[in-house]
Amino acid sequence: MPSVMLKATSDAQYTEIEFDTPVHYPKFTIFSIDEKEGKYSDACSIIYTDKDGKVSEPITRSAGNIANSEEECADAVNWNVEIDEKDIKKIQIILENKAEVMEGEEFSESMILFDKIEVCS
């Protein structure tokens, strides 16, 4: 799977990954969850659907509620996502910009990156 970048200003943006055959216990990293007061504040949610069509509750993280990793982005945080479920058919990744922007100001762009999903067969 090629790297995917999501960008959002005032509207949420999302991408979906659908699997031909259900996967088990998927793991992946969302890179560069970040915030800058009055400009942008990344909030990333994961929703998954199993082979029977059951949709999970959203799992949401933002820069303020993830321990910072010491990897490539020093000012941002990376979220190591591990879904502890079997028979996953679809994963949806949603990016929202939760910044409170002052009147007359414009939203800056929120942006995250992810690639490589590890799964058990």
PDB file of N, CA and C in Angstrom:
ATOM      1  N   MET A   1       0.845  -1.169   0.000  1.00  0.00           N
ATOM      2  CA  MET A   1       0.000   0.000   0.000  1.00  0.00           C
ATOM      3  C   MET A   1       0.889   1.231   0.000  1.00  0.00           C
ATOM      4  N   PRO A   2       0.638   2.183  -0.897  1.00  0.00           N
ATOM      5  CA  PRO A   2       1.429   3.407  -0.898  1.00  0.00           C
ATOM      6  C   PRO A   2       1.087   4.275   0.310  1.00  0.00           C
ATOM      7  N   SER A   3       1.990   5.192   0.660  1.00  0.00           N
ATOM      8  CA  SER A   3       1.709   6.128   1.753  1.00  0.00           C
ATOM      9  C   SER A   3       0.484   6.960   1.407  1.00  0.00           C
ATOM     10  N   VAL A   4      -0.288   7.287   2.429  1.00  0.00           N
ATOM     11  CA  VAL A   4      -1.486   8.099   2.241  1.00  0.00           C
ATOM     12  C   VAL A   4      -1.365   9.321   3.135  1.00  0.00           C
ATOM     13  N   MET A   5      -1.660  10.505   2.578  1.00  0.00           N
ATOM     14  CA  MET A   5      -1.647  11.726   3.349  1.00  0.00           C
ATOM     15  C   MET A   5      -3.066  12.285   3.369  1.00  0.00           C
ATOM     16  N   LEU A   6      -3.541  12.631   4.559  1.00  0.00           N
ATOM     17  CA  LEU A   6      -4.838  13.286   4.700  1.00  0.00           C
ATOM     18  C   LEU A   6      -4.603  14.721   5.120  1.00  0.00           C
ATOM     19  N   LYS A   7      -5.365  15.641   4.534  1.00  0.00           N
ATOM     20  CA  LYS A   7      -5.278  17.054   4.899  1.00  0.00           C
ATOM     21  C   LYS A   7      -6.689  17.552   5.186  1.00  0.00           C
ATOM     22  N   ALA A   8      -6.837  18.413   6.213  1.00  0.00           N
ATOM     23  CA  ALA A   8      -8.149  18.955   6.560  1.00  0.00           C
ATOM     24  C   ALA A   8      -8.003  20.399   7.013  1.00  0.00           C
ATOM     25  N   THR A   9      -8.968  21.236   6.651  1.00  0.00           N
ATOM     26  CA  THR A   9      -9.026  22.591   7.200  1.00  0.00           C
ATOM     27  C   THR A   9     -10.209  22.615   8.159  1.00  0.00           C
ATOM     28  N   SER A  10     -11.345  23.165   7.758  1.00  0.00           N
ATOM     29  CA  SER A  10     -12.482  23.204   8.673  1.00  0.00           C
ATOM     30  C   SER A  10     -13.388  21.982   8.538  1.00  0.00           C
ATOM     31  N   ASP A  11     -13.279  21.226   7.458  1.00  0.00           N
ATOM     32  CA  ASP A  11     -14.097  20.026   7.262  1.00  0.00           C
ATOM     33  C   ASP A  11     -13.257  18.773   7.487  1.00  0.00           C
ATOM     34  N   ALA A  12     -13.877  17.752   8.059  1.00  0.00           N
ATOM     35  CA  ALA A  12     -13.181  16.482   8.264  1.00  0.00           C
ATOM     36  C   ALA A  12     -12.908  15.821   6.909  1.00  0.00           C
ATOM     37  N   GLN A  13     -11.801  15.122   6.828  1.00  0.00           N
ATOM     38  CA  GLN A  13     -11.437  14.353   5.642  1.00  0.00           C
ATOM     39  C   GLN A  13     -11.192  12.917   6.085  1.00  0.00           C
ATOM     40  N   TYR A  14     -11.431  11.975   5.183  1.00  0.00           N
ATOM     41  CA  TYR A  14     -11.211  10.581   5.568  1.00  0.00           C
ATOM     42  C   TYR A  14     -10.749   9.761   4.371  1.00  0.00           C
ATOM     43  N   THR A  15     -10.206   8.603   4.706  1.00  0.00           N
ATOM     44  CA  THR A  15      -9.877   7.601   3.709  1.00  0.00           C
ATOM     45  C   THR A  15     -10.301   6.250   4.264  1.00  0.00           C
ATOM     46  N   GLU A  16     -10.583   5.314   3.374  1.00  0.00           N
ATOM     47  CA  GLU A  16     -10.973   3.967   3.782  1.00  0.00           C
ATOM     48  C   GLU A  16     -10.054   2.949   3.125  1.00  0.00           C
ATOM     49  N   ILE A  17      -9.794   1.899   3.871  1.00  0.00           N
ATOM     50  CA  ILE A  17      -9.036   0.769   3.340  1.00  0.00           C
ATOM     51  C   ILE A  17      -9.953  -0.434   3.453  1.00  0.00           C
ATOM     52  N   GLU A  18     -10.275  -1.045   2.313  1.00  0.00           N
ATOM     53  CA  GLU A  18     -11.115  -2.242   2.316  1.00  0.00           C
ATOM     54  C   GLU A  18     -10.252  -3.441   1.951  1.00  0.00           C
ATOM     55  N   PHE A  19     -10.481  -4.547   2.643  1.00  0.00           N
ATOM     56  CA  PHE A  19      -9.713  -5.768   2.427  1.00  0.00           C
ATOM     57  C   PHE A  19     -10.582  -6.789   1.714  1.00  0.00           C
ATOM     58  N   ASP A  20     -10.035  -7.450   0.692  1.00  0.00           N
ATOM     59  CA  ASP A  20     -10.769  -8.486  -0.026  1.00  0.00           C
ATOM     60  C   ASP A  20     -11.090  -9.657   0.898  1.00  0.00           C
ATOM     61  N   THR A  21     -10.110 -10.016   1.711  1.00  0.00           N
ATOM     62  CA  THR A  21     -10.249 -11.086   2.688  1.00  0.00           C
ATOM     63  C   THR A  21     -10.106 -10.457   4.066  1.00  0.00           C
ATOM     64  N   PRO A  22     -10.955 -10.811   5.033  1.00  0.00           N
ATOM     65  CA  PRO A  22     -10.830 -10.202   6.365  1.00  0.00           C
ATOM     66  C   PRO A  22      -9.427 -10.376   6.938  1.00  0.00           C
ATOM     67  N   VAL A  23      -8.965  -9.356   7.673  1.00  0.00           N
ATOM     68  CA  VAL A  23      -7.650  -9.388   8.311  1.00  0.00           C
ATOM     69  C   VAL A  23      -7.828  -9.445   9.819  1.00  0.00           C
ATOM     70  N   HIS A  24      -6.778  -9.861  10.499  1.00  0.00           N
ATOM     71  CA  HIS A  24      -6.806 -10.017  11.947  1.00  0.00           C
ATOM     72  C   HIS A  24      -5.757  -9.122  12.592  1.00  0.00           C
ATOM     73  N   TYR A  25      -6.146  -8.469  13.670  1.00  0.00           N
ATOM     74  CA  TYR A  25      -5.245  -7.685  14.520  1.00  0.00           C
ATOM     75  C   TYR A  25      -4.358  -6.701  13.737  1.00  0.00           C
ATOM     76  N   PRO A  26      -4.953  -5.824  12.917  1.00  0.00           N
ATOM     77  CA  PRO A  26      -4.129  -4.903  12.136  1.00  0.00           C
ATOM     78  C   PRO A  26      -3.378  -3.893  13.014  1.00  0.00           C
ATOM     79  N   LYS A  27      -2.168  -3.535  12.555  1.00  0.00           N
ATOM     80  CA  LYS A  27      -1.312  -2.560  13.228  1.00  0.00           C
ATOM     81  C   LYS A  27      -0.788  -1.592  12.182  1.00  0.00           C
ATOM     82  N   PHE A  28      -0.772  -0.308  12.525  1.00  0.00           N
ATOM     83  CA  PHE A  28      -0.204   0.703  11.638  1.00  0.00           C
ATOM     84  C   PHE A  28       0.082   1.950  12.459  1.00  0.00           C
ATOM     85  N   THR A  29       0.791   2.891  11.871  1.00  0.00           N
ATOM     86  CA  THR A  29       1.154   4.124  12.555  1.00  0.00           C
ATOM     87  C   THR A  29       0.580   5.316  11.810  1.00  0.00           C
ATOM     88  N   ILE A  30      -0.033   6.219  12.557  1.00  0.00           N
ATOM     89  CA  ILE A  30      -0.453   7.514  12.034  1.00  0.00           C
ATOM     90  C   ILE A  30       0.652   8.486  12.443  1.00  0.00           C
ATOM     91  N   PHE A  31       1.287   9.108  11.467  1.00  0.00           N
ATOM     92  CA  PHE A  31       2.415   9.997  11.730  1.00  0.00           C
ATOM     93  C   PHE A  31       1.974  11.451  11.812  1.00  0.00           C
ATOM     94  N   SER A  32       2.631  12.187  12.654  1.00  0.00           N
ATOM     95  CA  SER A  32       2.580  13.649  12.678  1.00  0.00           C
ATOM     96  C   SER A  32       1.238  14.223  13.120  1.00  0.00           C
ATOM     97  N   ILE A  33       0.703  13.723  14.228  1.00  0.00           N
ATOM     98  CA  ILE A  33      -0.471  14.340  14.837  1.00  0.00           C
ATOM     99  C   ILE A  33       0.051  15.530  15.630  1.00  0.00           C
ATOM    100  N   ASP A  34      -0.460  16.715  15.336  1.00  0.00           N
ATOM    101  CA  ASP A  34       0.175  17.936  15.793  1.00  0.00           C
ATOM    102  C   ASP A  34      -0.864  19.012  16.092  1.00  0.00           C
ATOM    103  N   GLU A  35      -0.438  20.079  16.733  1.00  0.00           N
ATOM    104  CA  GLU A  35      -1.311  21.223  16.946  1.00  0.00           C
ATOM    105  C   GLU A  35      -0.495  22.502  17.065  1.00  0.00           C
ATOM    106  N   LYS A  36      -1.124  23.610  16.661  1.00  0.00           N
ATOM    107  CA  LYS A  36      -0.540  24.941  16.816  1.00  0.00           C
ATOM    108  C   LYS A  36      -1.692  25.862  17.180  1.00  0.00           C
ATOM    109  N   GLU A  37      -1.646  26.420  18.377  1.00  0.00           N
ATOM    110  CA  GLU A  37      -2.761  27.194  18.907  1.00  0.00           C
ATOM    111  C   GLU A  37      -3.252  28.247  17.917  1.00  0.00           C
ATOM    112  N   GLY A  38      -4.568  28.242  17.722  1.00  0.00           N
ATOM    113  CA  GLY A  38      -5.208  29.206  16.851  1.00  0.00           C
ATOM    114  C   GLY A  38      -5.057  28.927  15.369  1.00  0.00           C
ATOM    115  N   LYS A  39      -4.374  27.840  15.008  1.00  0.00           N
ATOM    116  CA  LYS A  39      -4.143  27.518  13.591  1.00  0.00           C
ATOM    117  C   LYS A  39      -4.711  26.154  13.215  1.00  0.00           C
ATOM    118  N   TYR A  40      -4.224  25.122  13.894  1.00  0.00           N
ATOM    119  CA  TYR A  40      -4.701  23.774  13.621  1.00  0.00           C
ATOM    120  C   TYR A  40      -4.529  22.912  14.858  1.00  0.00           C
ATOM    121  N   SER A  41      -5.354  21.886  14.951  1.00  0.00           N
ATOM    122  CA  SER A  41      -5.287  20.932  16.052  1.00  0.00           C
ATOM    123  C   SER A  41      -5.815  19.600  15.530  1.00  0.00           C
ATOM    124  N   ASP A  42      -4.901  18.717  15.194  1.00  0.00           N
ATOM    125  CA  ASP A  42      -5.266  17.436  14.591  1.00  0.00           C
ATOM    126  C   ASP A  42      -6.014  16.539  15.578  1.00  0.00           C
ATOM    127  N   ALA A  43      -7.113  15.985  15.125  1.00  0.00           N
ATOM    128  CA  ALA A  43      -7.824  14.931  15.848  1.00  0.00           C
ATOM    129  C   ALA A  43      -8.043  13.812  14.837  1.00  0.00           C
ATOM    130  N   CYS A  44      -7.538  12.644  15.150  1.00  0.00           N
ATOM    131  CA  CYS A  44      -7.598  11.513  14.231  1.00  0.00           C
ATOM    132  C   CYS A  44      -8.450  10.409  14.856  1.00  0.00           C
ATOM    133  N   SER A  45      -9.382   9.885  14.074  1.00  0.00           N
ATOM    134  CA  SER A  45     -10.249   8.801  14.546  1.00  0.00           C
ATOM    135  C   SER A  45     -10.122   7.588  13.634  1.00  0.00           C
ATOM    136  N   ILE A  46     -10.256   6.419  14.233  1.00  0.00           N
ATOM    137  CA  ILE A  46     -10.245   5.147  13.514  1.00  0.00           C
ATOM    138  C   ILE A  46     -11.583   4.464  13.770  1.00  0.00           C
ATOM    139  N   ILE A  47     -12.224   4.009  12.696  1.00  0.00           N
ATOM    140  CA  ILE A  47     -13.442   3.209  12.800  1.00  0.00           C
ATOM    141  C   ILE A  47     -13.223   1.985  11.922  1.00  0.00           C
ATOM    142  N   TYR A  48     -13.558   0.819  12.431  1.00  0.00           N
ATOM    143  CA  TYR A  48     -13.394  -0.391  11.621  1.00  0.00           C
ATOM    144  C   TYR A  48     -14.698  -1.178  11.567  1.00  0.00           C
ATOM    145  N   THR A  49     -14.815  -1.962  10.498  1.00  0.00           N
ATOM    146  CA  THR A  49     -16.005  -2.773  10.262  1.00  0.00           C
ATOM    147  C   THR A  49     -15.575  -4.228  10.120  1.00  0.00           C
ATOM    148  N   ASP A  50     -16.287  -5.129  10.790  1.00  0.00           N
ATOM    149  CA  ASP A  50     -15.918  -6.546  10.680  1.00  0.00           C
ATOM    150  C   ASP A  50     -16.654  -7.212   9.518  1.00  0.00           C
ATOM    151  N   LYS A  51     -16.373  -8.488   9.306  1.00  0.00           N
ATOM    152  CA  LYS A  51     -16.933  -9.217   8.160  1.00  0.00           C
ATOM    153  C   LYS A  51     -18.450  -9.325   8.205  1.00  0.00           C
ATOM    154  N   ASP A  52     -19.055  -9.161   9.403  1.00  0.00           N
ATOM    155  CA  ASP A  52     -20.503  -9.227   9.540  1.00  0.00           C
ATOM    156  C   ASP A  52     -21.166  -7.854   9.425  1.00  0.00           C
ATOM    157  N   GLY A  53     -20.363  -6.818   9.163  1.00  0.00           N
ATOM    158  CA  GLY A  53     -20.902  -5.468   9.016  1.00  0.00           C
ATOM    159  C   GLY A  53     -21.011  -4.681  10.309  1.00  0.00           C
ATOM    160  N   LYS A  54     -20.529  -5.255  11.423  1.00  0.00           N
ATOM    161  CA  LYS A  54     -20.569  -4.545  12.710  1.00  0.00           C
ATOM    162  C   LYS A  54     -19.511  -3.434  12.685  1.00  0.00           C
ATOM    163  N   VAL A  55     -19.951  -2.202  12.985  1.00  0.00           N
ATOM    164  CA  VAL A  55     -19.071  -1.038  12.957  1.00  0.00           C
ATOM    165  C   VAL A  55     -18.639  -0.700  14.385  1.00  0.00           C
ATOM    166  N   SER A  56     -17.348  -0.465  14.570  1.00  0.00           N
ATOM    167  CA  SER A  56     -16.810  -0.153  15.894  1.00  0.00           C
ATOM    168  C   SER A  56     -17.175   1.266  16.312  1.00  0.00           C
ATOM    169  N   GLU A  57     -17.036   1.536  17.583  1.00  0.00           N
ATOM    170  CA  GLU A  57     -17.082   2.911  18.082  1.00  0.00           C
ATOM    171  C   GLU A  57     -15.787   3.593  17.628  1.00  0.00           C
ATOM    172  N   PRO A  58     -15.811   4.903  17.388  1.00  0.00           N
ATOM    173  CA  PRO A  58     -14.571   5.583  16.988  1.00  0.00           C
ATOM    174  C   PRO A  58     -13.526   5.556  18.101  1.00  0.00           C
ATOM    175  N   ILE A  59     -12.281   5.374  17.712  1.00  0.00           N
ATOM    176  CA  ILE A  59     -11.137   5.499  18.607  1.00  0.00           C
ATOM    177  C   ILE A  59     -10.462   6.792  18.169  1.00  0.00           C
ATOM    178  N   THR A  60     -10.381   7.783  19.051  1.00  0.00           N
ATOM    179  CA  THR A  60      -9.892   9.093  18.657  1.00  0.00           C
ATOM    180  C   THR A  60      -8.676   9.497  19.482  1.00  0.00           C
ATOM    181  N   ARG A  61      -7.705  10.070  18.815  1.00  0.00           N
ATOM    182  CA  ARG A  61      -6.505  10.601  19.467  1.00  0.00           C
ATOM    183  C   ARG A  61      -6.212  11.984  18.910  1.00  0.00           C
ATOM    184  N   SER A  62      -5.584  12.806  19.754  1.00  0.00           N
ATOM    185  CA  SER A  62      -5.126  14.121  19.320  1.00  0.00           C
ATOM    186  C   SER A  62      -3.730  14.337  19.888  1.00  0.00           C
ATOM    187  N   ALA A  63      -3.084  15.418  19.499  1.00  0.00           N
ATOM    188  CA  ALA A  63      -1.711  15.676  19.948  1.00  0.00           C
ATOM    189  C   ALA A  63      -1.618  15.712  21.469  1.00  0.00           C
ATOM    190  N   GLY A  64      -2.661  16.158  22.127  1.00  0.00           N
ATOM    191  CA  GLY A  64      -2.630  16.275  23.578  1.00  0.00           C
ATOM    192  C   GLY A  64      -2.811  14.973  24.338  1.00  0.00           C
ATOM    193  N   ASN A  65      -3.250  13.898  23.675  1.00  0.00           N
ATOM    194  CA  ASN A  65      -3.493  12.663  24.431  1.00  0.00           C
ATOM    195  C   ASN A  65      -2.725  11.457  23.907  1.00  0.00           C
ATOM    196  N   ILE A  66      -1.568  11.713  23.305  1.00  0.00           N
ATOM    197  CA  ILE A  66      -0.681  10.630  22.879  1.00  0.00           C
ATOM    198  C   ILE A  66       0.707  10.923  23.417  1.00  0.00           C
ATOM    199  N   ALA A  67       1.341   9.931  24.006  1.00  0.00           N
ATOM    200  CA  ALA A  67       2.725  10.115  24.452  1.00  0.00           C
ATOM    201  C   ALA A  67       3.601  10.304  23.224  1.00  0.00           C
ATOM    202  N   ASN A  68       4.493  11.270  23.263  1.00  0.00           N
ATOM    203  CA  ASN A  68       5.337  11.567  22.104  1.00  0.00           C
ATOM    204  C   ASN A  68       6.354  10.459  21.883  1.00  0.00           C
ATOM    205  N   SER A  69       6.493  10.079  20.635  1.00  0.00           N
ATOM    206  CA  SER A  69       7.526   9.120  20.280  1.00  0.00           C
ATOM    207  C   SER A  69       8.758   9.916  19.873  1.00  0.00           C
ATOM    208  N   GLU A  70       9.901   9.307  19.938  1.00  0.00           N
ATOM    209  CA  GLU A  70      11.131  10.012  19.591  1.00  0.00           C
ATOM    210  C   GLU A  70      11.552   9.695  18.177  1.00  0.00           C
ATOM    211  N   GLU A  71      10.570   9.437  17.306  1.00  0.00           N
ATOM    212  CA  GLU A  71      10.889   9.134  15.924  1.00  0.00           C
ATOM    213  C   GLU A  71      11.041  10.414  15.132  1.00  0.00           C
ATOM    214  N   GLU A  72      10.769  10.354  13.842  1.00  0.00           N
ATOM    215  CA  GLU A  72      11.128  11.420  12.927  1.00  0.00           C
ATOM    216  C   GLU A  72      10.518  12.794  13.187  1.00  0.00           C
ATOM    217  N   CYS A  73       9.376  12.913  13.818  1.00  0.00           N
ATOM    218  CA  CYS A  73       8.733  14.217  14.006  1.00  0.00           C
ATOM    219  C   CYS A  73       8.863  14.651  15.463  1.00  0.00           C
ATOM    220  N   ALA A  74       9.817  15.499  15.758  1.00  0.00           N
ATOM    221  CA  ALA A  74      10.088  15.880  17.146  1.00  0.00           C
ATOM    222  C   ALA A  74       8.954  16.685  17.771  1.00  0.00           C
ATOM    223  N   ASP A  75       8.306  17.593  17.015  1.00  0.00           N
ATOM    224  CA  ASP A  75       7.254  18.435  17.569  1.00  0.00           C
ATOM    225  C   ASP A  75       5.883  17.792  17.487  1.00  0.00           C
ATOM    226  N   ALA A  76       5.733  16.783  16.688  1.00  0.00           N
ATOM    227  CA  ALA A  76       4.456  16.104  16.514  1.00  0.00           C
ATOM    228  C   ALA A  76       4.518  14.756  17.223  1.00  0.00           C
ATOM    229  N   VAL A  77       3.392  14.072  17.237  1.00  0.00           N
ATOM    230  CA  VAL A  77       3.363  12.745  17.845  1.00  0.00           C
ATOM    231  C   VAL A  77       2.898  11.724  16.820  1.00  0.00           C
ATOM    232  N   ASN A  78       3.305  10.502  17.019  1.00  0.00           N
ATOM    233  CA  ASN A  78       2.924   9.395  16.152  1.00  0.00           C
ATOM    234  C   ASN A  78       2.066   8.439  16.972  1.00  0.00           C
ATOM    235  N   TRP A  79       0.971   7.974  16.376  1.00  0.00           N
ATOM    236  CA  TRP A  79       0.031   7.087  17.055  1.00  0.00           C
ATOM    237  C   TRP A  79       0.212   5.692  16.499  1.00  0.00           C
ATOM    238  N   ASN A  80       0.688   4.781  17.331  1.00  0.00           N
ATOM    239  CA  ASN A  80       0.825   3.375  16.955  1.00  0.00           C
ATOM    240  C   ASN A  80      -0.515   2.689  17.212  1.00  0.00           C
ATOM    241  N   VAL A  81      -1.261   2.468  16.145  1.00  0.00           N
ATOM    242  CA  VAL A  81      -2.605   1.905  16.238  1.00  0.00           C
ATOM    243  C   VAL A  81      -2.517   0.384  16.200  1.00  0.00           C
ATOM    244  N   GLU A  82      -3.157  -0.264  17.165  1.00  0.00           N
ATOM    245  CA  GLU A  82      -3.256  -1.720  17.188  1.00  0.00           C
ATOM    246  C   GLU A  82      -4.723  -2.063  17.448  1.00  0.00           C
ATOM    247  N   ILE A  83      -5.364  -2.671  16.471  1.00  0.00           N
ATOM    248  CA  ILE A  83      -6.762  -3.059  16.619  1.00  0.00           C
ATOM    249  C   ILE A  83      -6.789  -4.530  17.033  1.00  0.00           C
ATOM    250  N   ASP A  84      -7.249  -4.770  18.241  1.00  0.00           N
ATOM    251  CA  ASP A  84      -7.220  -6.111  18.827  1.00  0.00           C
ATOM    252  C   ASP A  84      -8.499  -6.880  18.484  1.00  0.00           C
ATOM    253  N   GLU A  85      -8.752  -7.008  17.183  1.00  0.00           N
ATOM    254  CA  GLU A  85      -9.948  -7.704  16.707  1.00  0.00           C
ATOM    255  C   GLU A  85      -9.599  -8.547  15.484  1.00  0.00           C
ATOM    256  N   LYS A  86     -10.392  -9.595  15.278  1.00  0.00           N
ATOM    257  CA  LYS A  86     -10.243 -10.452  14.099  1.00  0.00           C
ATOM    258  C   LYS A  86     -11.308 -10.092  13.069  1.00  0.00           C
ATOM    259  N   ASP A  87     -11.123 -10.586  11.853  1.00  0.00           N
ATOM    260  CA  ASP A  87     -12.108 -10.499  10.776  1.00  0.00           C
ATOM    261  C   ASP A  87     -12.503  -9.060  10.400  1.00  0.00           C
ATOM    262  N   ILE A  88     -11.502  -8.186  10.285  1.00  0.00           N
ATOM    263  CA  ILE A  88     -11.719  -6.788   9.899  1.00  0.00           C
ATOM    264  C   ILE A  88     -11.790  -6.709   8.370  1.00  0.00           C
ATOM    265  N   LYS A  89     -12.846  -6.092   7.857  1.00  0.00           N
ATOM    266  CA  LYS A  89     -13.022  -5.922   6.406  1.00  0.00           C
ATOM    267  C   LYS A  89     -12.706  -4.499   5.939  1.00  0.00           C
ATOM    268  N   LYS A  90     -12.883  -3.510   6.832  1.00  0.00           N
ATOM    269  CA  LYS A  90     -12.667  -2.127   6.414  1.00  0.00           C
ATOM    270  C   LYS A  90     -12.163  -1.310   7.594  1.00  0.00           C
ATOM    271  N   ILE A  91     -11.218  -0.403   7.304  1.00  0.00           N
ATOM    272  CA  ILE A  91     -10.729   0.562   8.289  1.00  0.00           C
ATOM    273  C   ILE A  91     -10.924   1.951   7.700  1.00  0.00           C
ATOM    274  N   GLN A  92     -11.524   2.820   8.490  1.00  0.00           N
ATOM    275  CA  GLN A  92     -11.701   4.210   8.068  1.00  0.00           C
ATOM    276  C   GLN A  92     -10.848   5.091   8.984  1.00  0.00           C
ATOM    277  N   ILE A  93     -10.081   5.991   8.384  1.00  0.00           N
ATOM    278  CA  ILE A  93      -9.242   6.926   9.126  1.00  0.00           C
ATOM    279  C   ILE A  93      -9.768   8.331   8.839  1.00  0.00           C
ATOM    280  N   ILE A  94     -10.114   9.049   9.900  1.00  0.00           N
ATOM    281  CA  ILE A  94     -10.740  10.367   9.770  1.00  0.00           C
ATOM    282  C   ILE A  94      -9.840  11.408  10.431  1.00  0.00           C
ATOM    283  N   LEU A  95      -9.602  12.515   9.735  1.00  0.00           N
ATOM    284  CA  LEU A  95      -8.817  13.625  10.274  1.00  0.00           C
ATOM    285  C   LEU A  95      -9.719  14.841  10.398  1.00  0.00           C
ATOM    286  N   GLU A  96      -9.722  15.443  11.580  1.00  0.00           N
ATOM    287  CA  GLU A  96     -10.468  16.680  11.810  1.00  0.00           C
ATOM    288  C   GLU A  96      -9.511  17.741  12.346  1.00  0.00           C
ATOM    289  N   ASN A  97      -9.773  18.984  12.012  1.00  0.00           N
ATOM    290  CA  ASN A  97      -9.030  20.108  12.551  1.00  0.00           C
ATOM    291  C   ASN A  97      -9.901  20.722  13.635  1.00  0.00           C
ATOM    292  N   LYS A  98      -9.527  20.520  14.896  1.00  0.00           N
ATOM    293  CA  LYS A  98     -10.337  20.961  16.036  1.00  0.00           C
ATOM    294  C   LYS A  98      -9.908  22.326  16.574  1.00  0.00           C
ATOM    295  N   ALA A  99      -9.091  23.049  15.829  1.00  0.00           N
ATOM    296  CA  ALA A  99      -8.596  24.350  16.294  1.00  0.00           C
ATOM    297  C   ALA A  99      -9.738  25.340  16.474  1.00  0.00           C
ATOM    298  N   GLU A 100      -9.602  26.173  17.495  1.00  0.00           N
ATOM    299  CA  GLU A 100     -10.520  27.286  17.671  1.00  0.00           C
ATOM    300  C   GLU A 100      -9.837  28.499  17.050  1.00  0.00           C
ATOM    301  N   VAL A 101     -10.330  28.912  15.902  1.00  0.00           N
ATOM    302  CA  VAL A 101      -9.713  29.990  15.146  1.00  0.00           C
ATOM    303  C   VAL A 101     -10.442  31.291  15.452  1.00  0.00           C
ATOM    304  N   MET A 102      -9.666  32.346  15.713  1.00  0.00           N
ATOM    305  CA  MET A 102     -10.262  33.644  16.029  1.00  0.00           C
ATOM    306  C   MET A 102     -10.983  34.231  14.812  1.00  0.00           C
ATOM    307  N   GLU A 103     -11.989  35.027  15.089  1.00  0.00           N
ATOM    308  CA  GLU A 103     -12.761  35.661  14.026  1.00  0.00           C
ATOM    309  C   GLU A 103     -11.827  36.443  13.103  1.00  0.00           C
ATOM    310  N   GLY A 104     -12.045  36.282  11.805  1.00  0.00           N
ATOM    311  CA  GLY A 104     -11.212  36.963  10.819  1.00  0.00           C
ATOM    312  C   GLY A 104      -9.965  36.188  10.425  1.00  0.00           C
ATOM    313  N   GLU A 105      -9.627  35.166  11.190  1.00  0.00           N
ATOM    314  CA  GLU A 105      -8.471  34.319  10.879  1.00  0.00           C
ATOM    315  C   GLU A 105      -8.929  33.121  10.065  1.00  0.00           C
ATOM    316  N   GLU A 106      -8.003  32.487   9.364  1.00  0.00           N
ATOM    317  CA  GLU A 106      -8.322  31.288   8.597  1.00  0.00           C
ATOM    318  C   GLU A 106      -7.693  30.067   9.244  1.00  0.00           C
ATOM    319  N   PHE A 107      -8.341  28.917   9.024  1.00  0.00           N
ATOM    320  CA  PHE A 107      -7.763  27.654   9.470  1.00  0.00           C
ATOM    321  C   PHE A 107      -6.479  27.389   8.694  1.00  0.00           C
ATOM    322  N   SER A 108      -5.493  26.874   9.373  1.00  0.00           N
ATOM    323  CA  SER A 108      -4.344  26.305   8.681  1.00  0.00           C
ATOM    324  C   SER A 108      -4.682  24.852   8.416  1.00  0.00           C
ATOM    325  N   GLU A 109      -3.919  24.231   7.580  1.00  0.00           N
ATOM    326  CA  GLU A 109      -4.215  22.864   7.182  1.00  0.00           C
ATOM    327  C   GLU A 109      -3.689  21.857   8.199  1.00  0.00           C
ATOM    328  N   SER A 110      -4.558  20.954   8.650  1.00  0.00           N
ATOM    329  CA  SER A 110      -4.131  19.801   9.435  1.00  0.00           C
ATOM    330  C   SER A 110      -3.649  18.745   8.452  1.00  0.00           C
ATOM    331  N   MET A 111      -2.698  17.931   8.878  1.00  0.00           N
ATOM    332  CA  MET A 111      -2.161  16.927   7.964  1.00  0.00           C
ATOM    333  C   MET A 111      -1.601  15.753   8.758  1.00  0.00           C
ATOM    334  N   ILE A 112      -1.908  14.540   8.312  1.00  0.00           N
ATOM    335  CA  ILE A 112      -1.312  13.331   8.871  1.00  0.00           C
ATOM    336  C   ILE A 112      -0.862  12.437   7.722  1.00  0.00           C
ATOM    337  N   LEU A 113      -0.042  11.455   8.045  1.00  0.00           N
ATOM    338  CA  LEU A 113       0.485  10.518   7.064  1.00  0.00           C
ATOM    339  C   LEU A 113       0.444   9.121   7.667  1.00  0.00           C
ATOM    340  N   PHE A 114       0.091   8.131   6.838  1.00  0.00           N
ATOM    341  CA  PHE A 114       0.213   6.747   7.302  1.00  0.00           C
ATOM    342  C   PHE A 114       0.543   5.848   6.122  1.00  0.00           C
ATOM    343  N   ASP A 115       1.140   4.711   6.440  1.00  0.00           N
ATOM    344  CA  ASP A 115       1.426   3.696   5.429  1.00  0.00           C
ATOM    345  C   ASP A 115       1.621   2.355   6.120  1.00  0.00           C
ATOM    346  N   LYS A 116       1.825   1.319   5.372  1.00  0.00           N
ATOM    347  CA  LYS A 116       2.099  -0.044   5.837  1.00  0.00           C
ATOM    348  C   LYS A 116       1.184  -0.510   6.961  1.00  0.00           C
ATOM    349  N   ILE A 117       0.275  -1.363   6.620  1.00  0.00           N
ATOM    350  CA  ILE A 117      -0.579  -1.995   7.623  1.00  0.00           C
ATOM    351  C   ILE A 117      -0.110  -3.431   7.795  1.00  0.00           C
ATOM    352  N   GLU A 118       0.246  -3.793   9.020  1.00  0.00           N
ATOM    353  CA  GLU A 118       0.634  -5.166   9.335  1.00  0.00           C
ATOM    354  C   GLU A 118      -0.630  -5.897   9.788  1.00  0.00           C
ATOM    355  N   VAL A 119      -0.804  -7.123   9.331  1.00  0.00           N
ATOM    356  CA  VAL A 119      -1.961  -7.923   9.735  1.00  0.00           C
ATOM    357  C   VAL A 119      -1.534  -9.365  10.001  1.00  0.00           C
ATOM    358  N   CYS A 120      -2.327 -10.046  10.787  1.00  0.00           N
ATOM    359  CA  CYS A 120      -2.126 -11.484  10.989  1.00  0.00           C
ATOM    360  C   CYS A 120      -3.116 -12.211  10.102  1.00  0.00           C
ATOM    361  N   SER A 121      -2.688 -13.314   9.536  1.00  0.00           N
ATOM    362  CA  SER A 121      -3.611 -14.080   8.677  1.00  0.00           C
ATOM    363  C   SER A 121      -4.155 -15.289   9.414  1.00  0.00           C
TER     364      SER A 121
END
